[in-house]
N, C-alpha and C. Protein backbone atom coordinates (compact mmCIF):
# COMPACT_ATOMS: atom_id res chain seq x y z
N MET A 1 0.91 -1.31 -0.03
CA MET A 1 0.28 0.06 0.22
C MET A 1 0.74 1.35 0.07
N THR A 2 0.78 2.00 -0.97
CA THR A 2 1.67 3.23 -0.90
C THR A 2 0.67 4.36 -1.15
N ALA A 3 1.23 5.31 -0.57
CA ALA A 3 0.60 7.06 -0.75
C ALA A 3 1.77 7.96 -0.65
N ASN A 4 1.28 8.87 -0.96
CA ASN A 4 2.29 10.50 -1.32
C ASN A 4 1.97 10.98 0.02
N ALA A 5 2.08 10.79 1.17
CA ALA A 5 1.93 11.76 1.97
C ALA A 5 3.05 12.72 2.23
N SER A 6 4.17 12.60 1.73
CA SER A 6 5.28 13.21 2.03
C SER A 6 6.51 13.08 0.76
N ALA A 7 7.26 13.43 0.72
CA ALA A 7 8.12 13.29 -0.59
C ALA A 7 8.59 11.97 -0.85
N GLN A 8 8.87 11.26 0.32
CA GLN A 8 9.60 9.71 0.02
C GLN A 8 8.05 8.94 0.22
N PRO A 9 8.10 7.82 -0.47
CA PRO A 9 6.57 6.98 -0.76
C PRO A 9 6.72 6.17 0.79
N THR A 10 5.63 5.96 1.17
CA THR A 10 4.88 5.22 2.39
C THR A 10 4.84 4.09 1.92
N GLU A 11 4.56 3.27 2.70
CA GLU A 11 4.37 1.52 2.74
C GLU A 11 4.02 1.33 3.85
N VAL A 12 2.75 0.50 4.17
CA VAL A 12 1.85 0.34 5.64
C VAL A 12 1.72 -1.34 5.26
N GLN A 13 2.34 -2.25 6.10
CA GLN A 13 2.28 -3.58 6.31
C GLN A 13 1.51 -4.00 7.43
N ASN A 14 0.86 -5.00 8.06
CA ASN A 14 0.46 -5.78 8.93
C ASN A 14 1.57 -6.51 9.10
N ASN A 15 2.11 -6.39 10.79
CA ASN A 15 3.12 -7.05 11.33
C ASN A 15 2.57 -7.71 12.23
N GLU A 16 2.15 -9.25 11.89
CA GLU A 16 0.92 -9.89 12.68
C GLU A 16 1.45 -10.17 13.91
N ALA A 17 3.25 -10.77 13.68
CA ALA A 17 3.92 -11.18 14.79
C ALA A 17 3.98 -10.04 16.00
N GLU A 18 3.83 -8.94 15.81
CA GLU A 18 3.85 -7.76 16.55
C GLU A 18 2.87 -7.15 16.97
N LYS A 19 1.55 -7.90 16.28
CA LYS A 19 0.40 -7.15 16.38
C LYS A 19 0.06 -5.62 16.07
N ARG A 20 0.63 -5.06 15.13
CA ARG A 20 0.59 -3.53 14.57
C ARG A 20 0.80 -3.28 13.19
N TYR A 21 0.03 -2.38 13.07
CA TYR A 21 0.57 -2.22 11.36
C TYR A 21 1.48 -1.10 11.56
N GLU A 22 2.69 -1.22 10.54
CA GLU A 22 3.38 -0.31 10.53
C GLU A 22 3.56 0.48 8.98
N LEU A 23 3.95 1.63 9.47
CA LEU A 23 4.11 2.84 8.12
C LEU A 23 5.30 2.78 8.23
N LYS A 24 6.03 2.67 6.69
CA LYS A 24 7.41 3.01 6.46
C LYS A 24 7.62 4.13 5.62
N LEU A 25 8.82 4.38 6.08
CA LEU A 25 8.91 6.10 5.16
C LEU A 25 10.57 5.72 4.72
N GLY A 26 10.67 5.45 3.51
CA GLY A 26 12.16 5.41 3.05
C GLY A 26 12.50 3.90 3.68
N GLY A 27 11.95 3.02 3.80
CA GLY A 27 12.06 1.80 4.21
C GLY A 27 12.36 1.33 5.87
N ARG A 28 12.10 2.45 6.40
CA ARG A 28 12.13 2.78 7.93
C ARG A 28 10.78 2.75 8.69
N VAL A 29 10.82 2.00 9.53
CA VAL A 29 9.57 2.16 10.52
C VAL A 29 9.12 3.56 11.17
N VAL A 30 8.44 4.43 11.15
CA VAL A 30 8.27 5.91 11.44
C VAL A 30 6.88 5.74 12.31
N GLY A 31 5.93 4.79 12.14
CA GLY A 31 4.81 4.84 12.72
C GLY A 31 4.00 3.49 12.71
N VAL A 32 3.61 3.18 13.93
CA VAL A 32 2.45 2.30 13.98
C VAL A 32 1.23 2.48 14.80
N ALA A 33 0.42 1.52 14.18
CA ALA A 33 -1.14 1.28 15.08
C ALA A 33 -1.15 0.09 15.37
N GLU A 34 -1.15 0.17 16.93
CA GLU A 34 -1.11 -1.35 17.60
C GLU A 34 -2.54 -1.84 17.76
N TYR A 35 -2.53 -3.05 17.63
CA TYR A 35 -4.29 -3.70 17.86
C TYR A 35 -3.95 -5.00 18.66
N ARG A 36 -4.97 -5.42 19.14
CA ARG A 36 -5.31 -7.04 19.80
C ARG A 36 -6.73 -7.26 19.19
N PRO A 37 -6.32 -8.58 18.88
CA PRO A 37 -7.27 -9.37 18.36
C PRO A 37 -8.47 -9.34 19.61
N ALA A 38 -9.68 -9.45 18.98
CA ALA A 38 -10.90 -9.38 20.15
C ALA A 38 -11.80 -9.94 19.56
N GLY A 39 -11.60 -11.25 20.04
CA GLY A 39 -12.86 -12.21 19.12
C GLY A 39 -12.53 -12.29 17.85
N PRO A 40 -13.86 -12.06 16.82
CA PRO A 40 -13.98 -11.56 15.42
C PRO A 40 -13.42 -10.22 14.92
N SER A 41 -12.98 -9.26 16.23
CA SER A 41 -12.82 -8.00 15.93
C SER A 41 -10.97 -7.68 15.99
N LEU A 42 -10.53 -6.47 15.49
CA LEU A 42 -9.35 -5.88 16.04
C LEU A 42 -9.59 -4.83 16.82
N MET A 43 -9.06 -5.04 17.98
CA MET A 43 -9.40 -3.64 18.96
C MET A 43 -7.71 -3.09 18.65
N PHE A 44 -8.01 -1.35 18.10
CA PHE A 44 -6.87 -0.64 17.96
C PHE A 44 -6.65 -0.37 19.23
N THR A 45 -5.55 0.05 19.72
CA THR A 45 -5.35 0.17 21.05
C THR A 45 -4.37 1.45 21.22
N HIS A 46 -3.33 1.59 19.88
CA HIS A 46 -2.54 3.07 20.25
C HIS A 46 -2.05 3.02 19.10
N THR A 47 -1.98 4.25 18.50
CA THR A 47 -1.23 4.91 17.06
C THR A 47 -0.17 5.77 17.72
N GLU A 48 0.89 5.67 17.17
CA GLU A 48 2.21 6.68 16.77
C GLU A 48 2.72 6.76 15.79
N ILE A 49 3.64 8.21 15.66
CA ILE A 49 4.10 8.50 14.51
C ILE A 49 5.54 8.87 15.21
N GLU A 50 6.75 8.60 14.48
CA GLU A 50 7.71 9.00 15.18
C GLU A 50 8.15 10.37 15.59
N GLU A 51 8.44 10.88 16.46
CA GLU A 51 8.91 12.58 16.63
C GLU A 51 9.66 13.22 15.38
N GLY A 52 9.21 14.18 14.90
CA GLY A 52 9.57 14.65 13.55
C GLY A 52 8.98 14.42 12.45
N HIS A 53 8.01 13.63 12.26
CA HIS A 53 7.00 12.99 11.11
C HIS A 53 5.62 13.46 11.55
N GLU A 54 5.31 14.05 12.59
CA GLU A 54 3.73 14.29 13.04
C GLU A 54 3.53 15.53 11.86
N GLY A 55 2.37 15.61 11.67
CA GLY A 55 1.80 16.65 10.90
C GLY A 55 1.88 16.68 9.66
N GLN A 56 2.42 15.41 9.09
CA GLN A 56 2.45 15.43 7.79
C GLN A 56 1.37 14.46 7.01
N GLY A 57 0.45 14.04 7.66
CA GLY A 57 -0.61 13.21 7.17
C GLY A 57 -0.16 11.64 7.22
N LEU A 58 0.73 11.48 8.17
CA LEU A 58 0.92 9.92 8.08
C LEU A 58 0.40 9.22 8.94
N GLY A 59 -0.06 9.61 9.85
CA GLY A 59 -1.10 8.88 10.97
C GLY A 59 -2.51 8.50 10.07
N SER A 60 -2.79 9.29 9.39
CA SER A 60 -3.98 9.12 8.57
C SER A 60 -3.90 8.25 7.56
N THR A 61 -2.63 8.35 6.82
CA THR A 61 -2.39 7.16 5.62
C THR A 61 -2.15 5.78 6.44
N LEU A 62 -1.50 5.62 7.63
CA LEU A 62 -1.26 4.43 8.28
C LEU A 62 -2.92 3.72 8.92
N VAL A 63 -3.90 4.84 9.53
CA VAL A 63 -5.04 4.15 9.93
C VAL A 63 -5.73 3.83 8.54
N ARG A 64 -5.71 4.94 7.63
CA ARG A 64 -6.72 4.49 6.50
C ARG A 64 -6.33 3.10 6.18
N ALA A 65 -4.88 2.53 5.72
CA ALA A 65 -4.54 1.52 5.37
C ALA A 65 -4.87 0.45 6.03
N ALA A 66 -4.85 0.40 7.35
CA ALA A 66 -5.10 -0.74 8.60
C ALA A 66 -6.56 -0.78 8.42
N LEU A 67 -7.43 0.13 8.27
CA LEU A 67 -9.07 0.25 8.26
C LEU A 67 -9.24 -0.79 7.08
N ASP A 68 -8.42 -0.32 5.69
CA ASP A 68 -8.89 -1.28 4.49
C ASP A 68 -8.69 -2.42 4.46
N ASP A 69 -7.36 -2.67 5.05
CA ASP A 69 -6.90 -4.08 5.42
C ASP A 69 -8.00 -4.96 6.35
N ALA A 70 -8.49 -4.28 7.38
CA ALA A 70 -9.56 -5.00 7.98
C ALA A 70 -10.98 -5.10 7.28
N ARG A 71 -11.37 -4.29 6.49
CA ARG A 71 -12.47 -4.36 5.45
C ARG A 71 -12.36 -5.47 4.65
N ALA A 72 -11.12 -5.44 3.97
CA ALA A 72 -10.48 -6.48 3.08
C ALA A 72 -10.97 -7.86 3.71
N ARG A 73 -10.38 -7.76 4.97
CA ARG A 73 -10.55 -9.22 5.62
C ARG A 73 -11.73 -9.71 6.25
N LYS A 74 -12.69 -8.65 5.97
CA LYS A 74 -14.18 -8.62 6.65
C LYS A 74 -13.97 -8.79 8.27
N ILE A 75 -13.04 -8.00 8.86
CA ILE A 75 -12.98 -7.82 10.31
C ILE A 75 -13.70 -6.65 10.87
N ASP A 76 -14.36 -6.75 11.73
CA ASP A 76 -14.63 -5.42 12.79
C ASP A 76 -13.74 -4.71 13.50
N VAL A 77 -14.00 -3.72 13.55
CA VAL A 77 -12.63 -2.79 14.51
C VAL A 77 -13.38 -2.36 15.91
N VAL A 78 -12.58 -2.26 17.10
CA VAL A 78 -12.90 -1.41 17.85
C VAL A 78 -12.13 -0.55 18.41
N PRO A 79 -12.28 0.74 18.15
CA PRO A 79 -11.38 1.97 17.71
C PRO A 79 -11.17 2.27 19.29
N MET A 80 -10.32 1.73 20.17
CA MET A 80 -10.13 2.27 21.42
C MET A 80 -9.10 3.56 21.43
N CYS A 81 -8.21 3.37 20.39
CA CYS A 81 -7.10 4.36 20.20
C CYS A 81 -7.93 5.68 20.07
N PRO A 82 -7.96 7.05 20.78
CA PRO A 82 -8.49 7.97 20.13
C PRO A 82 -8.34 8.57 19.03
N PHE A 83 -6.94 8.41 18.41
CA PHE A 83 -6.86 8.66 16.88
C PHE A 83 -7.63 8.04 15.85
N VAL A 84 -7.77 6.67 16.18
CA VAL A 84 -8.63 5.86 15.40
C VAL A 84 -9.76 6.10 15.45
N ALA A 85 -10.51 6.44 16.14
CA ALA A 85 -12.14 6.90 16.75
C ALA A 85 -12.10 7.96 16.02
N ALA A 86 -11.17 8.90 16.21
CA ALA A 86 -11.49 10.34 15.47
C ALA A 86 -11.44 10.38 13.68
N PHE A 87 -10.67 9.59 13.45
CA PHE A 87 -10.31 9.30 12.14
C PHE A 87 -11.58 8.67 11.66
N ILE A 88 -12.44 8.06 12.25
CA ILE A 88 -13.71 7.25 11.72
C ILE A 88 -14.76 8.13 11.62
N ARG A 89 -14.76 9.10 12.94
CA ARG A 89 -15.58 10.35 12.78
C ARG A 89 -15.29 10.97 11.76
N GLU A 90 -14.19 11.54 11.20
CA GLU A 90 -14.14 12.17 10.33
C GLU A 90 -14.29 11.78 9.10
N HIS A 91 -14.43 10.34 8.85
CA HIS A 91 -14.48 9.54 7.58
C HIS A 91 -15.58 8.22 7.60
N SER A 92 -16.48 8.97 7.41
CA SER A 92 -18.08 8.00 7.61
C SER A 92 -17.95 6.86 7.22
N GLU A 93 -17.27 6.81 5.80
CA GLU A 93 -17.17 5.84 5.00
C GLU A 93 -16.40 4.30 5.83
N TYR A 94 -16.00 4.62 7.07
CA TYR A 94 -15.41 3.60 7.75
C TYR A 94 -16.30 3.29 8.77
N LEU A 95 -17.36 3.75 9.08
CA LEU A 95 -18.16 3.66 10.25
C LEU A 95 -18.81 2.06 10.26
N ASP A 96 -19.21 1.57 9.20
CA ASP A 96 -19.71 0.10 9.11
C ASP A 96 -18.65 -0.66 9.65
N LEU A 97 -17.35 -0.30 9.82
CA LEU A 97 -16.34 -1.52 10.67
C LEU A 97 -16.43 -1.56 12.07
N VAL A 98 -17.32 -0.51 12.43
CA VAL A 98 -17.18 -0.57 14.00
C VAL A 98 -18.97 -1.23 14.50
N GLN A 99 -19.04 -2.05 15.16
CA GLN A 99 -20.72 -2.77 15.34
C GLN A 99 -21.27 -1.76 15.84
N LEU A 100 -22.95 -1.73 15.11
CA LEU A 100 -23.75 -0.33 15.82
C LEU A 100 -23.79 -0.29 17.03
N GLN A 101 -24.07 -1.69 17.92
CA GLN A 101 -23.88 -1.38 19.33
C GLN A 101 -22.76 -0.42 20.22
N GLN A 102 -21.42 -0.40 19.44
CA GLN A 102 -20.39 0.23 20.09
C GLN A 102 -20.30 1.37 19.84
N ARG A 103 -20.81 1.88 18.60
CA ARG A 103 -20.29 3.16 18.19
C ARG A 103 -20.73 4.31 18.81
N GLY A 104 -21.97 4.60 19.98
CA GLY A 104 -21.91 5.53 20.96
C GLY A 104 -20.95 5.36 21.96
N MET A 105 -20.03 4.40 22.24
CA MET A 105 -19.00 4.25 23.24
C MET A 105 -17.98 5.24 22.64
N PHE A 106 -17.57 5.47 21.39
CA PHE A 106 -16.50 6.04 20.64
C PHE A 106 -16.95 7.46 20.08
N GLY A 107 -18.27 7.81 20.70
CA GLY A 107 -19.11 9.19 19.94
C GLY A 107 -19.11 9.27 18.28
N LEU A 108 -19.59 7.64 17.69
CA LEU A 108 -19.37 7.51 16.39
C LEU A 108 -20.98 7.78 16.04
């Protein structure tokens, strides 16, 4: 998965061994979206972009790719991470990934 969030190409991969999606910039991990399997869902617990790379849209690139992957795998998400919840609030096309009965807990 590639995007143009900065001058260098970005790549997002699911590192299942570490239970996190990793955003690589120039081949180096500069962001992660950590998750835990929660029954038939993925619970996103923490998203972080390395210092010096904030404010470039990389967090959005990372979360969009992670949510697109969850959708492709037909997996619901539980956005415990405030950044992931805010992203879903701002991008309603991802609302269907959160179970209806859980949406109120996250302000969705």
